[in-house]
C-alpha cells in the first residue's frame, strides 16, 4: 500500500486482492469523519440523539417480536 499527497487530494494505492467489503467499510469511515468534522453538534446532543434512535429501534423490534 502506498499513500500519496497531491495539491488537491490524497491517493491510496492498494493491491487488487483486497476485500472490497473491507475497503467499503474503510471508505464509509472516511465519509463519516468528513461529515463529523463539519458538525456543530455537541457530544451531549449526539449522545441524546443516539439514545432516542436506540429507544425507537428497540420499540420497533419488541413490537415485531410480539413482546
C-alpha atoms as a PDB file:
ATOM      1  CA  UNK A   1       0.000   0.000   0.000  1.00  0.00           C
ATOM      2  CA  UNK A   2       1.231   3.477  -0.806  1.00  0.00           C
ATOM      3  CA  UNK A   3      -0.186   6.846   0.161  1.00  0.00           C
ATOM      4  CA  UNK A   4       0.492   9.913  -1.961  1.00  0.00           C
ATOM      5  CA  UNK A   5      -0.484  13.512  -1.208  1.00  0.00           C
ATOM      6  CA  UNK A   6      -1.010  15.928  -4.100  1.00  0.00           C
ATOM      7  CA  UNK A   7      -2.151  19.561  -4.031  1.00  0.00           C
ATOM      8  CA  UNK A   8      -5.827  18.596  -4.094  1.00  0.00           C
ATOM      9  CA  UNK A   9      -6.127  15.030  -2.830  1.00  0.00           C
ATOM     10  CA  UNK A  10      -4.648  12.065  -1.036  1.00  0.00           C
ATOM     11  CA  UNK A  11      -4.289   8.900  -3.105  1.00  0.00           C
ATOM     12  CA  UNK A  12      -4.263   5.407  -1.588  1.00  0.00           C
ATOM     13  CA  UNK A  13      -2.878   2.670  -3.823  1.00  0.00           C
ATOM     14  CA  UNK A  14      -3.884  -0.811  -2.694  1.00  0.00           C
ATOM     15  CA  UNK A  15      -3.268  -4.280  -4.095  1.00  0.00           C
ATOM     16  CA  UNK A  16      -6.182  -5.580  -6.156  1.00  0.00           C
ATOM     17  CA  UNK A  17      -6.632  -8.610  -3.902  1.00  0.00           C
ATOM     18  CA  UNK A  18      -8.045  -6.509  -1.036  1.00  0.00           C
ATOM     19  CA  UNK A  19     -11.536  -7.467   0.131  1.00  0.00           C
ATOM     20  CA  UNK A  20     -13.971  -4.940  -1.364  1.00  0.00           C
ATOM     21  CA  UNK A  21     -16.326  -5.114   1.628  1.00  0.00           C
ATOM     22  CA  UNK A  22     -13.447  -4.141   3.909  1.00  0.00           C
ATOM     23  CA  UNK A  23     -12.490  -1.351   1.546  1.00  0.00           C
ATOM     24  CA  UNK A  24     -16.094  -0.088   1.528  1.00  0.00           C
ATOM     25  CA  UNK A  25     -16.087  -0.049   5.343  1.00  0.00           C
ATOM     26  CA  UNK A  26     -12.878   1.974   5.204  1.00  0.00           C
ATOM     27  CA  UNK A  27     -14.406   4.436   2.712  1.00  0.00           C
ATOM     28  CA  UNK A  28     -17.572   4.718   4.822  1.00  0.00           C
ATOM     29  CA  UNK A  29     -15.456   5.572   7.861  1.00  0.00           C
ATOM     30  CA  UNK A  30     -13.674   8.367   5.982  1.00  0.00           C
ATOM     31  CA  UNK A  31     -17.007   9.713   4.777  1.00  0.00           C
ATOM     32  CA  UNK A  32     -18.314   9.658   8.360  1.00  0.00           C
ATOM     33  CA  UNK A  33     -15.214  11.520   9.593  1.00  0.00           C
ATOM     34  CA  UNK A  34     -15.592  14.158   6.862  1.00  0.00           C
ATOM     35  CA  UNK A  35     -19.219  14.766   7.826  1.00  0.00           C
ATOM     36  CA  UNK A  36     -18.488  14.693  11.572  1.00  0.00           C
ATOM     37  CA  UNK A  37     -15.717  17.262  11.207  1.00  0.00           C
ATOM     38  CA  UNK A  38     -18.259  19.727   9.757  1.00  0.00           C
ATOM     39  CA  UNK A  39     -20.780  19.114  12.539  1.00  0.00           C
ATOM     40  CA  UNK A  40     -21.506  21.779  15.110  1.00  0.00           C
ATOM     41  CA  UNK A  41     -23.363  19.350  17.393  1.00  0.00           C
ATOM     42  CA  UNK A  42     -22.081  18.929  20.929  1.00  0.00           C
ATOM     43  CA  UNK A  43     -21.252  15.493  22.315  1.00  0.00           C
ATOM     44  CA  UNK A  44     -24.292  15.778  24.623  1.00  0.00           C
ATOM     45  CA  UNK A  45     -26.568  16.400  21.614  1.00  0.00           C
ATOM     46  CA  UNK A  46     -25.083  13.405  19.817  1.00  0.00           C
ATOM     47  CA  UNK A  47     -25.489  11.195  22.893  1.00  0.00           C
ATOM     48  CA  UNK A  48     -29.145  12.233  23.261  1.00  0.00           C
ATOM     49  CA  UNK A  49     -29.819  11.524  19.584  1.00  0.00           C
ATOM     50  CA  UNK A  50     -28.239   8.071  19.867  1.00  0.00           C
ATOM     51  CA  UNK A  51     -30.408   7.282  22.916  1.00  0.00           C
ATOM     52  CA  UNK A  52     -33.531   8.381  21.032  1.00  0.00           C
ATOM     53  CA  UNK A  53     -32.649   6.273  17.982  1.00  0.00           C
ATOM     54  CA  UNK A  54     -31.866   3.204  20.077  1.00  0.00           C
ATOM     55  CA  UNK A  55     -35.123   3.563  22.001  1.00  0.00           C
ATOM     56  CA  UNK A  56     -37.115   3.726  18.784  1.00  0.00           C
ATOM     57  CA  UNK A  57     -35.289   0.717  17.401  1.00  0.00           C
ATOM     58  CA  UNK A  58     -35.980  -1.365  20.498  1.00  0.00           C
ATOM     59  CA  UNK A  59     -39.675  -0.382  20.470  1.00  0.00           C
ATOM     60  CA  UNK A  60     -39.943  -1.484  16.838  1.00  0.00           C
ATOM     61  CA  UNK A  61     -38.105  -4.775  17.471  1.00  0.00           C
ATOM     62  CA  UNK A  62     -40.207  -5.515  20.540  1.00  0.00           C
ATOM     63  CA  UNK A  63     -43.398  -4.924  18.527  1.00  0.00           C
ATOM     64  CA  UNK A  64     -42.174  -7.204  15.695  1.00  0.00           C
ATOM     65  CA  UNK A  65     -41.358  -9.962  18.175  1.00  0.00           C
ATOM     66  CA  UNK A  66     -44.673  -9.555  19.994  1.00  0.00           C
ATOM     67  CA  UNK A  67     -43.011  -8.795  23.333  1.00  0.00           C
END
